[in-house]
C-alpha atoms as a PDB file:
ATOM      1  CA  MET A   1       5.730   3.789  16.593  1.00  0.00           C
ATOM      2  CA  ARG A   2       2.761   5.734  15.788  1.00  0.00           C
ATOM      3  CA  ASN A   3       3.649   9.744  15.807  1.00  0.00           C
ATOM      4  CA  ASN A   4       5.836   9.926  12.032  1.00  0.00           C
ATOM      5  CA  MET A   5       8.428  12.162  12.372  1.00  0.00           C
ATOM      6  CA  ILE A   6       7.095  13.694   8.547  1.00  0.00           C
ATOM      7  CA  GLU A   7       9.177  16.365   8.701  1.00  0.00           C
ATOM      8  CA  GLN A   8      12.247  14.460   8.910  1.00  0.00           C
ATOM      9  CA  ASN A   9      11.917  12.420   5.513  1.00  0.00           C
ATOM     10  CA  ILE A  10      13.139   8.957   4.997  1.00  0.00           C
ATOM     11  CA  ILE A  11      14.471   8.445   1.888  1.00  0.00           C
ATOM     12  CA  ILE A  12      14.411   4.233   0.807  1.00  0.00           C
ATOM     13  CA  THR A  13      17.656   3.572  -0.585  1.00  0.00           C
ATOM     14  CA  GLU A  14      17.782  -0.468  -0.473  1.00  0.00           C
ATOM     15  CA  SER A  15      17.533  -2.326  -3.131  1.00  0.00           C
ATOM     16  CA  CYS A  16      14.348  -3.602  -4.584  1.00  0.00           C
ATOM     17  CA  THR A  17      16.240  -7.466  -3.698  1.00  0.00           C
ATOM     18  CA  ASN A  18      16.642  -6.913   0.066  1.00  0.00           C
ATOM     19  CA  LEU A  19      12.518  -5.263   0.143  1.00  0.00           C
ATOM     20  CA  ARG A  20      11.758  -8.194  -1.324  1.00  0.00           C
ATOM     21  CA  MET A  21      13.772 -10.337   1.373  1.00  0.00           C
ATOM     22  CA  LEU A  22      12.044  -8.276   3.901  1.00  0.00           C
ATOM     23  CA  GLY A  23       8.353  -9.312   2.938  1.00  0.00           C
ATOM     24  CA  ARG A  24       9.781 -12.994   2.391  1.00  0.00           C
ATOM     25  CA  ASN A  25      10.879 -13.084   5.847  1.00  0.00           C
ATOM     26  CA  ALA A  26       8.037 -11.882   7.557  1.00  0.00           C
ATOM     27  CA  LEU A  27       5.911 -14.554   5.842  1.00  0.00           C
ATOM     28  CA  ALA A  28       7.753 -17.133   7.424  1.00  0.00           C
ATOM     29  CA  GLY A  29       5.545 -19.264   8.638  1.00  0.00           C
ATOM     30  CA  LYS A  30       1.968 -17.030   7.552  1.00  0.00           C
ATOM     31  CA  TRP A  31       1.957 -18.171   4.226  1.00  0.00           C
ATOM     32  CA  LYS A  32      -0.627 -20.211   4.612  1.00  0.00           C
ATOM     33  CA  VAL A  33      -3.256 -17.561   6.733  1.00  0.00           C
ATOM     34  CA  THR A  34      -2.112 -14.743   4.998  1.00  0.00           C
ATOM     35  CA  ILE A  35      -2.987 -16.866   1.245  1.00  0.00           C
ATOM     36  CA  ILE A  36      -6.371 -17.464   2.909  1.00  0.00           C
ATOM     37  CA  ALA A  37      -7.073 -14.278   4.143  1.00  0.00           C
ATOM     38  CA  MET A  38      -6.153 -12.991   0.330  1.00  0.00           C
ATOM     39  CA  ILE A  39      -8.919 -15.690  -0.927  1.00  0.00           C
ATOM     40  CA  ILE A  40     -11.030 -14.347   1.289  1.00  0.00           C
ATOM     41  CA  TYR A  41     -10.898 -10.755  -0.013  1.00  0.00           C
ATOM     42  CA  VAL A  42     -10.977 -11.436  -3.813  1.00  0.00           C
ATOM     43  CA  LEU A  43     -13.841 -13.635  -3.300  1.00  0.00           C
ATOM     44  CA  VAL A  44     -15.738 -11.200  -1.150  1.00  0.00           C
ATOM     45  CA  LEU A  45     -14.505  -7.784  -3.474  1.00  0.00           C
ATOM     46  CA  ASN A  46     -15.620  -9.655  -6.754  1.00  0.00           C
ATOM     47  CA  PHE A  47     -18.362 -12.192  -6.329  1.00  0.00           C
ATOM     48  CA  PRO A  48     -21.099 -10.512  -4.742  1.00  0.00           C
ATOM     49  CA  PRO A  49     -20.760  -7.767  -7.788  1.00  0.00           C
ATOM     50  CA  THR A  50     -20.860 -10.346 -10.363  1.00  0.00           C
ATOM     51  CA  VAL A  51     -24.002 -11.806  -8.688  1.00  0.00           C
ATOM     52  CA  PHE A  52     -25.629  -8.273  -8.967  1.00  0.00           C
ATOM     53  CA  ASP A  53     -25.131  -7.497 -12.268  1.00  0.00           C
ATOM     54  CA  ALA A  54     -26.280 -10.889 -13.234  1.00  0.00           C
ATOM     55  CA  LEU A  55     -29.500 -10.241 -11.517  1.00  0.00           C
ATOM     56  CA  PHE A  56     -30.020  -6.423 -11.680  1.00  0.00           C
ATOM     57  CA  GLY A  57     -27.718  -5.508 -14.300  1.00  0.00           C
ATOM     58  CA  LEU A  58     -27.751  -4.051 -17.924  1.00  0.00           C
ATOM     59  CA  ASN A  59     -26.501  -4.780 -20.962  1.00  0.00           C
ATOM     60  CA  PRO A  60     -24.762  -1.608 -22.048  1.00  0.00           C
ATOM     61  CA  GLY A  61     -25.561  -2.965 -25.849  1.00  0.00           C
ATOM     62  CA  SER A  62     -29.368  -1.745 -24.367  1.00  0.00           C
ATOM     63  CA  VAL A  63     -28.375   1.799 -23.610  1.00  0.00           C
ATOM     64  CA  ILE A  64     -26.218   2.626 -26.298  1.00  0.00           C
ATOM     65  CA  THR A  65     -27.550   1.140 -29.750  1.00  0.00           C
ATOM     66  CA  GLY A  66     -31.141   1.632 -28.523  1.00  0.00           C
ATOM     67  CA  GLY A  67     -31.587  -2.202 -29.868  1.00  0.00           C
ATOM     68  CA  GLU A  68     -30.943  -0.939 -33.509  1.00  0.00           C
ATOM     69  CA  THR A  69     -28.731  -3.244 -35.343  1.00  0.00           C
ATOM     70  CA  TYR A  70     -26.680  -0.528 -37.616  1.00  0.00           C
ATOM     71  CA  GLY A  71     -26.284  -2.661 -40.905  1.00  0.00           C
ATOM     72  CA  LEU A  72     -25.077  -5.852 -38.726  1.00  0.00           C
ATOM     73  CA  ASP A  73     -27.172  -8.975 -39.478  1.00  0.00           C
ATOM     74  CA  VAL A  74     -29.387 -10.635 -36.504  1.00  0.00           C
ATOM     75  CA  ASN A  75     -26.388 -13.418 -35.744  1.00  0.00           C
ATOM     76  CA  THR A  76     -23.933 -11.253 -35.528  1.00  0.00           C
ATOM     77  CA  TYR A  77     -25.728  -8.826 -33.574  1.00  0.00           C
ATOM     78  CA  SER A  78     -27.083 -11.385 -30.885  1.00  0.00           C
ATOM     79  CA  ALA A  79     -23.323 -13.038 -30.674  1.00  0.00           C
ATOM     80  CA  ILE A  80     -22.171  -9.849 -30.210  1.00  0.00           C
ATOM     81  CA  TYR A  81     -24.940  -8.267 -27.427  1.00  0.00           C
ATOM     82  CA  ASN A  82     -25.188 -11.433 -25.829  1.00  0.00           C
ATOM     83  CA  ASN A  83     -21.344 -11.813 -25.018  1.00  0.00           C
ATOM     84  CA  MET A  84     -20.933  -8.235 -23.502  1.00  0.00           C
ATOM     85  CA  PRO A  85     -21.415  -8.301 -19.794  1.00  0.00           C
ATOM     86  CA  THR A  86     -24.110  -6.636 -17.483  1.00  0.00           C
ATOM     87  CA  TYR A  87     -23.422  -3.745 -14.966  1.00  0.00           C
ATOM     88  CA  SER A  88     -25.727  -2.558 -12.173  1.00  0.00           C
ATOM     89  CA  LEU A  89     -25.804   0.672  -9.673  1.00  0.00           C
ATOM     90  CA  LEU A  90     -26.221  -1.801  -7.210  1.00  0.00           C
ATOM     91  CA  SER A  91     -22.576  -3.520  -7.629  1.00  0.00           C
ATOM     92  CA  ALA A  92     -20.990  -0.009  -7.835  1.00  0.00           C
ATOM     93  CA  ILE A  93     -22.257   0.677  -4.779  1.00  0.00           C
ATOM     94  CA  TYR A  94     -21.631  -2.547  -2.744  1.00  0.00           C
ATOM     95  CA  VAL A  95     -17.699  -1.811  -3.851  1.00  0.00           C
ATOM     96  CA  MET A  96     -17.822   1.751  -3.683  1.00  0.00           C
ATOM     97  CA  LEU A  97     -18.960   0.530   0.618  1.00  0.00           C
ATOM     98  CA  ILE A  98     -16.735  -2.590   1.350  1.00  0.00           C
ATOM     99  CA  ALA A  99     -13.475  -1.562  -0.481  1.00  0.00           C
ATOM    100  CA  GLY A 100     -12.822   1.182   1.709  1.00  0.00           C
ATOM    101  CA  SER A 101     -12.705  -1.349   4.718  1.00  0.00           C
ATOM    102  CA  LEU A 102     -11.050  -4.011   3.219  1.00  0.00           C
ATOM    103  CA  GLU A 103      -8.190  -2.155   1.794  1.00  0.00           C
ATOM    104  CA  LEU A 104      -7.718  -1.301   5.592  1.00  0.00           C
ATOM    105  CA  GLY A 105      -7.903  -4.572   6.581  1.00  0.00           C
ATOM    106  CA  GLN A 106      -5.547  -6.035   4.445  1.00  0.00           C
ATOM    107  CA  CYS A 107      -3.024  -3.172   5.814  1.00  0.00           C
ATOM    108  CA  ILE A 108      -4.043  -4.380   9.240  1.00  0.00           C
ATOM    109  CA  LEU A 109      -3.507  -7.800   8.501  1.00  0.00           C
ATOM    110  CA  PHE A 110       0.298  -7.724   6.549  1.00  0.00           C
ATOM    111  CA  LEU A 111       1.371  -4.886   9.422  1.00  0.00           C
ATOM    112  CA  ALA A 112       0.570  -7.366  12.248  1.00  0.00           C
ATOM    113  CA  ALA A 113       2.468 -10.216  10.177  1.00  0.00           C
ATOM    114  CA  PHE A 114       5.421  -8.065   9.486  1.00  0.00           C
ATOM    115  CA  ARG A 115       5.847  -7.019  12.994  1.00  0.00           C
ATOM    116  CA  LYS A 116       5.541 -10.827  14.003  1.00  0.00           C
ATOM    117  CA  HIS A 117       2.300 -10.853  15.671  1.00  0.00           C
ATOM    118  CA  ASP A 118       0.327 -13.593  15.667  1.00  0.00           C
ATOM    119  CA  ILE A 119      -2.617 -13.306  12.863  1.00  0.00           C
ATOM    120  CA  LYS A 120      -6.007 -15.092  11.583  1.00  0.00           C
ATOM    121  CA  ALA A 121      -7.415 -15.184   8.064  1.00  0.00           C
ATOM    122  CA  THR A 122     -10.719 -13.110   9.860  1.00  0.00           C
ATOM    123  CA  ASP A 123      -8.130 -10.206  10.663  1.00  0.00           C
ATOM    124  CA  ILE A 124      -9.215  -8.901   6.880  1.00  0.00           C
ATOM    125  CA  PHE A 125     -12.443  -7.878   8.104  1.00  0.00           C
ATOM    126  CA  LEU A 126     -10.686  -5.570  10.992  1.00  0.00           C
ATOM    127  CA  GLY A 127     -10.744  -2.887   8.793  1.00  0.00           C
ATOM    128  CA  PHE A 128     -14.858  -2.914   9.184  1.00  0.00           C
ATOM    129  CA  GLU A 129     -14.859  -2.061  12.741  1.00  0.00           C
ATOM    130  CA  ARG A 130     -13.259   1.955  11.462  1.00  0.00           C
ATOM    131  CA  PHE A 131     -15.970   1.329   8.386  1.00  0.00           C
ATOM    132  CA  GLY A 132     -16.994   5.371   8.238  1.00  0.00           C
ATOM    133  CA  LYS A 133     -13.175   6.082   8.455  1.00  0.00           C
ATOM    134  CA  ALA A 134     -11.806   3.745   5.535  1.00  0.00           C
ATOM    135  CA  LEU A 135     -14.937   4.581   3.142  1.00  0.00           C
ATOM    136  CA  MET A 136     -14.247   8.440   3.679  1.00  0.00           C
ATOM    137  CA  LEU A 137     -10.340   7.964   3.431  1.00  0.00           C
ATOM    138  CA  LEU A 138     -10.958   5.806   0.060  1.00  0.00           C
ATOM    139  CA  ILE A 139     -13.198   8.389  -1.155  1.00  0.00           C
ATOM    140  CA  TYR A 140     -10.633  11.685  -0.429  1.00  0.00           C
ATOM    141  CA  GLN A 141      -8.221   9.390  -1.965  1.00  0.00           C
ATOM    142  CA  THR A 142      -9.817   8.744  -5.330  1.00  0.00           C
ATOM    143  CA  VAL A 143     -11.213  11.905  -5.485  1.00  0.00           C
ATOM    144  CA  PHE A 144      -7.559  13.300  -5.172  1.00  0.00           C
ATOM    145  CA  ILE A 145      -6.095  10.705  -7.478  1.00  0.00           C
ATOM    146  CA  MET A 146      -9.188  11.151 -10.138  1.00  0.00           C
ATOM    147  CA  LEU A 147      -8.733  15.188  -9.664  1.00  0.00           C
ATOM    148  CA  TRP A 148      -5.097  14.851 -11.499  1.00  0.00           C
ATOM    149  CA  THR A 149      -5.830  12.018 -13.568  1.00  0.00           C
ATOM    150  CA  PHE A 150      -8.107  14.611 -15.459  1.00  0.00           C
ATOM    151  CA  LEU A 151      -4.896  16.896 -16.469  1.00  0.00           C
ATOM    152  CA  LEU A 152      -3.009  14.014 -17.533  1.00  0.00           C
ATOM    153  CA  ILE A 153      -2.803  10.451 -17.139  1.00  0.00           C
ATOM    154  CA  ILE A 154       0.956  10.511 -15.737  1.00  0.00           C
ATOM    155  CA  PRO A 155       0.385  13.353 -12.637  1.00  0.00           C
ATOM    156  CA  GLY A 156      -2.678  10.500 -11.620  1.00  0.00           C
ATOM    157  CA  ILE A 157       0.007   8.079 -11.516  1.00  0.00           C
ATOM    158  CA  ILE A 158       2.161  10.131  -9.551  1.00  0.00           C
ATOM    159  CA  ALA A 159      -0.859  10.733  -7.576  1.00  0.00           C
ATOM    160  CA  ALA A 160      -1.805   7.248  -6.918  1.00  0.00           C
ATOM    161  CA  TYR A 161       2.189   6.649  -5.474  1.00  0.00           C
ATOM    162  CA  ARG A 162       1.718  10.066  -3.179  1.00  0.00           C
ATOM    163  CA  TYR A 163      -1.170   8.956  -1.508  1.00  0.00           C
ATOM    164  CA  SER A 164      -0.116   5.466  -1.584  1.00  0.00           C
ATOM    165  CA  GLN A 165       0.546   4.993   2.501  1.00  0.00           C
ATOM    166  CA  ALA A 166      -2.819   6.754   3.927  1.00  0.00           C
ATOM    167  CA  PHE A 167      -4.542   3.624   4.499  1.00  0.00           C
ATOM    168  CA  TYR A 168      -1.090   1.954   6.329  1.00  0.00           C
ATOM    169  CA  ILE A 169      -0.780   5.313   8.319  1.00  0.00           C
ATOM    170  CA  LEU A 170      -4.490   4.807   8.961  1.00  0.00           C
ATOM    171  CA  ALA A 171      -4.030   1.192  10.187  1.00  0.00           C
ATOM    172  CA  ASP A 172      -0.492   2.233  12.218  1.00  0.00           C
ATOM    173  CA  ASP A 173      -3.036   4.356  14.368  1.00  0.00           C
ATOM    174  CA  PRO A 174      -6.732   5.073  13.898  1.00  0.00           C
ATOM    175  CA  ASP A 175      -7.581   7.991  15.951  1.00  0.00           C
ATOM    176  CA  LYS A 176      -5.421  10.025  13.288  1.00  0.00           C
ATOM    177  CA  SER A 177      -7.936  11.923  10.668  1.00  0.00           C
ATOM    178  CA  ILE A 178      -8.448  11.750   7.160  1.00  0.00           C
ATOM    179  CA  LYS A 179      -6.439  14.765   6.394  1.00  0.00           C
ATOM    180  CA  GLN A 180      -3.519  13.687   8.366  1.00  0.00           C
ATOM    181  CA  CYS A 181      -3.050  10.283   6.504  1.00  0.00           C
ATOM    182  CA  MET A 182      -2.668  11.895   3.005  1.00  0.00           C
ATOM    183  CA  ASP A 183      -0.728  14.445   4.190  1.00  0.00           C
ATOM    184  CA  GLU A 184       1.575  12.516   6.204  1.00  0.00           C
ATOM    185  CA  SER A 185       1.274   9.712   2.933  1.00  0.00           C
ATOM    186  CA  LYS A 186       2.340  12.991   1.000  1.00  0.00           C
ATOM    187  CA  ALA A 187       5.231  13.714   3.097  1.00  0.00           C
ATOM    188  CA  MET A 188       6.429  10.072   3.362  1.00  0.00           C
ATOM    189  CA  MET A 189       6.078   9.547  -0.323  1.00  0.00           C
ATOM    190  CA  ARG A 190       8.235  12.534  -1.085  1.00  0.00           C
ATOM    191  CA  GLY A 191      11.254  11.218  -3.145  1.00  0.00           C
ATOM    192  CA  ASN A 192      10.202   7.512  -2.842  1.00  0.00           C
ATOM    193  CA  LYS A 193       7.477   7.304  -5.617  1.00  0.00           C
ATOM    194  CA  TRP A 194      10.101   5.721  -7.727  1.00  0.00           C
ATOM    195  CA  LYS A 195      11.261   3.158  -5.448  1.00  0.00           C
ATOM    196  CA  ARG A 196       7.566   2.196  -4.655  1.00  0.00           C
ATOM    197  CA  PHE A 197       7.194   1.827  -8.950  1.00  0.00           C
ATOM    198  CA  VAL A 198      10.174  -0.334  -9.355  1.00  0.00           C
ATOM    199  CA  LEU A 199       9.349  -2.384  -6.384  1.00  0.00           C
ATOM    200  CA  GLU A 200       6.165  -2.926  -7.785  1.00  0.00           C
ATOM    201  CA  LEU A 201       7.691  -3.677 -11.447  1.00  0.00           C
ATOM    202  CA  SER A 202       9.915  -6.097  -9.665  1.00  0.00           C
ATOM    203  CA  TYR A 203       7.528  -8.655  -9.364  1.00  0.00           C
ATOM    204  CA  ILE A 204       6.119  -8.728 -13.057  1.00  0.00           C
ATOM    205  CA  GLY A 205       8.099 -11.836 -13.752  1.00  0.00           C
ATOM    206  CA  TRP A 206       6.158 -13.363 -10.591  1.00  0.00           C
ATOM    207  CA  LEU A 207       3.085 -12.210 -12.139  1.00  0.00           C
ATOM    208  CA  ILE A 208       3.586 -13.330 -15.721  1.00  0.00           C
ATOM    209  CA  LEU A 209       3.863 -16.984 -14.341  1.00  0.00           C
ATOM    210  CA  ALA A 210       0.824 -16.532 -12.190  1.00  0.00           C
ATOM    211  CA  TYR A 211      -1.322 -15.720 -15.394  1.00  0.00           C
ATOM    212  CA  PHE A 212      -0.456 -18.415 -16.943  1.00  0.00           C
ATOM    213  CA  PRO A 213      -2.630 -21.157 -14.989  1.00  0.00           C
ATOM    214  CA  ALA A 214      -5.381 -18.016 -14.868  1.00  0.00           C
ATOM    215  CA  ALA A 215      -5.301 -17.879 -18.663  1.00  0.00           C
ATOM    216  CA  PHE A 216      -5.465 -21.121 -19.400  1.00  0.00           C
ATOM    217  CA  LEU A 217      -8.540 -21.393 -17.026  1.00  0.00           C
ATOM    218  CA  ASN A 218     -10.343 -18.617 -18.590  1.00  0.00           C
ATOM    219  CA  GLY A 219      -9.156 -20.255 -22.155  1.00  0.00           C
ATOM    220  CA  ILE A 220     -11.277 -23.276 -21.037  1.00  0.00           C
ATOM    221  CA  GLY A 221     -14.362 -21.499 -19.725  1.00  0.00           C
ATOM    222  CA  GLN A 222     -14.643 -19.493 -23.054  1.00  0.00           C
ATOM    223  CA  LEU A 223     -14.634 -22.627 -25.018  1.00  0.00           C
ATOM    224  CA  VAL A 224     -17.235 -24.021 -22.840  1.00  0.00           C
ATOM    225  CA  THR A 225     -20.006 -21.851 -22.759  1.00  0.00           C
ATOM    226  CA  ASP A 226     -21.005 -18.496 -23.534  1.00  0.00           C
ATOM    227  CA  ASN A 227     -22.669 -17.519 -20.567  1.00  0.00           C
ATOM    228  CA  THR A 228     -21.770 -14.037 -19.069  1.00  0.00           C
ATOM    229  CA  PHE A 229     -22.222 -14.997 -15.635  1.00  0.00           C
ATOM    230  CA  VAL A 230     -20.359 -18.592 -15.560  1.00  0.00           C
ATOM    231  CA  LEU A 231     -17.507 -16.389 -17.085  1.00  0.00           C
ATOM    232  CA  SER A 232     -17.609 -14.285 -14.498  1.00  0.00           C
ATOM    233  CA  VAL A 233     -17.182 -16.531 -11.489  1.00  0.00           C
ATOM    234  CA  ILE A 234     -14.910 -18.955 -13.817  1.00  0.00           C
ATOM    235  CA  SER A 235     -12.373 -15.380 -14.489  1.00  0.00           C
ATOM    236  CA  ILE A 236     -12.992 -14.665 -10.589  1.00  0.00           C
ATOM    237  CA  ILE A 237     -11.081 -18.260  -9.707  1.00  0.00           C
ATOM    238  CA  ALA A 238      -8.808 -17.910 -12.182  1.00  0.00           C
ATOM    239  CA  SER A 239      -7.744 -14.884 -10.860  1.00  0.00           C
ATOM    240  CA  LEU A 240      -7.014 -16.580  -6.977  1.00  0.00           C
ATOM    241  CA  PHE A 241      -4.004 -17.807  -9.035  1.00  0.00           C
ATOM    242  CA  THR A 242      -2.288 -14.499  -8.282  1.00  0.00           C
ATOM    243  CA  VAL A 243      -2.981 -14.683  -4.659  1.00  0.00           C
ATOM    244  CA  PRO A 244       0.471 -16.202  -3.803  1.00  0.00           C
ATOM    245  CA  VAL A 245       2.337 -13.053  -5.531  1.00  0.00           C
ATOM    246  CA  SER A 246       0.262 -10.360  -3.867  1.00  0.00           C
ATOM    247  CA  VAL A 247       1.159 -11.719  -0.607  1.00  0.00           C
ATOM    248  CA  TYR A 248       4.348 -11.665  -1.113  1.00  0.00           C
ATOM    249  CA  MET A 249       3.853  -7.407  -2.607  1.00  0.00           C
ATOM    250  CA  MET A 250       1.418  -6.872   0.345  1.00  0.00           C
ATOM    251  CA  SER A 251       4.166  -7.855   2.918  1.00  0.00           C
ATOM    252  CA  SER A 252       6.574  -6.421   1.070  1.00  0.00           C
ATOM    253  CA  PHE A 253       4.851  -2.878   0.906  1.00  0.00           C
ATOM    254  CA  ALA A 254       4.482  -3.015   4.649  1.00  0.00           C
ATOM    255  CA  GLY A 255       7.958  -4.051   4.752  1.00  0.00           C
ATOM    256  CA  PHE A 256       8.468  -0.447   2.769  1.00  0.00           C
ATOM    257  CA  TYR A 257       5.843   1.254   5.038  1.00  0.00           C
ATOM    258  CA  GLU A 258       7.746   0.481   7.890  1.00  0.00           C
ATOM    259  CA  ILE A 259      11.316   2.010   6.797  1.00  0.00           C
ATOM    260  CA  LEU A 260       9.017   4.942   5.739  1.00  0.00           C
ATOM    261  CA  ALA A 261       7.818   5.166   9.610  1.00  0.00           C
ATOM    262  CA  GLY A 262      10.947   5.162  11.051  1.00  0.00           C
ATOM    263  CA  HIS A 263      10.543   1.601  12.312  1.00  0.00           C
ATOM    264  CA  LEU A 264      13.065   0.012  10.395  1.00  0.00           C
ATOM    265  CA  ILE A 265      16.191   3.270  10.056  1.00  0.00           C
ATOM    266  CA  LYS A 266      18.876   0.462  10.014  1.00  0.00           C
ATOM    267  CA  GLU A 267      17.159  -0.792   6.618  1.00  0.00           C
ATOM    268  CA  THR A 268      18.132   2.166   4.966  1.00  0.00           C
ATOM    269  CA  LYS A 269      21.071   4.344   4.179  1.00  0.00           C
ATOM    270  CA  PRO A 270      21.351   8.021   5.577  1.00  0.00           C
ATOM    271  CA  VAL A 271      21.126  10.613   2.964  1.00  0.00           C
ATOM    272  CA  PRO A 272      24.692  11.765   1.443  1.00  0.00           C
ATOM    273  CA  VAL A 273      25.552  15.254   3.134  1.00  0.00           C
ATOM    274  CA  THR A 274      28.056  18.078   1.431  1.00  0.00           C
ATOM    275  CA  VAL A 275      31.582  18.023   2.679  1.00  0.00           C
ATOM    276  CA  GLN A 276      31.183  21.039   4.156  1.00  0.00           C
ATOM    277  CA  GLU A 277      28.023  19.699   6.098  1.00  0.00           C
ATOM    278  CA  ALA A 278      30.736  17.049   7.049  1.00  0.00           C
ATOM    279  CA  ILE A 279      33.065  19.401   8.485  1.00  0.00           C
ATOM    280  CA  GLU A 280      30.643  20.925  10.101  1.00  0.00           C
ATOM    281  CA  MET A 281      28.993  18.178  12.143  1.00  0.00           C
ATOM    282  CA  LYS A 282      32.563  17.038  12.602  1.00  0.00           C
ATOM    283  CA  HIS A 283      33.593  20.728  14.432  1.00  0.00           C
ATOM    284  CA  GLU A 284      30.645  20.748  16.536  1.00  0.00           C
ATOM    285  CA  LEU A 285      31.399  16.760  17.827  1.00  0.00           C
ATOM    286  CA  GLU A 286      34.849  18.308  18.947  1.00  0.00           C
ATOM    287  CA  GLN A 287      33.490  20.911  20.609  1.00  0.00           C
ATOM    288  CA  LEU A 288      31.357  18.815  23.129  1.00  0.00           C
ATOM    289  CA  PRO A 289      34.103  17.208  24.829  1.00  0.00           C
ATOM    290  CA  GLU A 290      35.921  20.416  25.574  1.00  0.00           C
ATOM    291  CA  ALA A 291      32.981  22.096  26.893  1.00  0.00           C
ATOM    292  CA  THR A 292      32.220  19.576  29.424  1.00  0.00           C
ATOM    293  CA  GLU A 293      35.729  19.452  31.053  1.00  0.00           C
ATOM    294  CA  GLU A 294      35.218  22.843  31.982  1.00  0.00           C
ATOM    295  CA  THR A 295      32.136  22.810  33.694  1.00  0.00           C
ATOM    296  CA  PRO A 296      34.221  20.751  36.884  1.00  0.00           C
ATOM    297  CA  LYS A 297      37.037  23.088  36.555  1.00  0.00           C
ATOM    298  CA  ALA A 298      35.219  26.519  37.415  1.00  0.00           C
ATOM    299  CA  VAL A 299      33.244  24.202  39.956  1.00  0.00           C
ATOM    300  CA  GLU A 300      37.000  22.956  41.497  1.00  0.00           C
ATOM    301  CA  GLU A 301      38.690  26.496  40.907  1.00  0.00           C
ATOM    302  CA  PRO A 302      38.497  28.214  44.111  1.00  0.00           C
ATOM    303  CA  GLU A 303      39.490  25.144  46.321  1.00  0.00           C
ATOM    304  CA  VAL A 304      42.818  25.358  43.453  1.00  0.00           C
ATOM    305  CA  SER A 305      43.041  29.323  44.487  1.00  0.00           C
ATOM    306  CA  GLU A 306      43.470  28.625  47.781  1.00  0.00           C
ATOM    307  CA  ALA A 307      45.686  25.971  47.812  1.00  0.00           C
ATOM    308  CA  PRO A 308      48.696  27.794  46.973  1.00  0.00           C
ATOM    309  CA  GLU A 309      47.924  30.753  49.697  1.00  0.00           C
ATOM    310  CA  ASP A 310      47.957  27.991  52.318  1.00  0.00           C
ATOM    311  CA  ASP A 311      51.310  27.072  51.276  1.00  0.00           C
ATOM    312  CA  ASN A 312      52.936  30.455  51.742  1.00  0.00           C
ATOM    313  CA  LYS A 313      51.687  30.963  55.056  1.00  0.00           C
END
């Protein structure tokens, strides 16, 4: 299970409907625990940075304009300035440090759920057991994607899909190196990047439905207050409406990895072969029985040759 045969790249030909069905089946009896785990994931990843930005952040308006109003009246400038969010270096460092471990924990959780193992909501923190490796993989992955993005947006998006399986590979075998995870992800996704994109796109309807209540809550927040910290907290709470869809997607992505890793071969169709390859394979199979029948004949040959001589005598 842990040794991925990257030389034999599996091309996923299953429809998005079947891939989503795999995700739903894996979540049977596990919806509650996975939703709670994802709520923890969202809050841990987003709430502390919001607090850090409110306490230690700088308003971009102060940095960019230096206090100059640039012809705007005081009230207009104040309204724009007060509604701008604040940012702090501390929040950026926090996200960089924990994002990799949370991502790894998320992969561990959904792979375990897909494999019908017992899971707990706190399993989302299992990635912190491999904190250093998860951090380095995140940095390595981010650098590669950014380098491709510097060329053009499209190559950056392709690179993101190319290395999308790296954390699943690390979750499946924590002993693998960062380079192995990246190389195996690249090999696995050869010919499968478009399928992964279409699979994500197939959830667009569910995401739109989830964003309606989120947008409604954000709208109420903007009517009630103009405090950026309060609005940020409301935005985080509103994002929780999308958690069930995220759980559904992550379960399907776990199934996607299981197929790529060769753990669900039966869920894929064989890659088409040419007519000539099919003839050669058939010829080789036909030759196998003849080769096996010749061996016992060769062993019995001396006895068969002696029998007529005894009869003649």
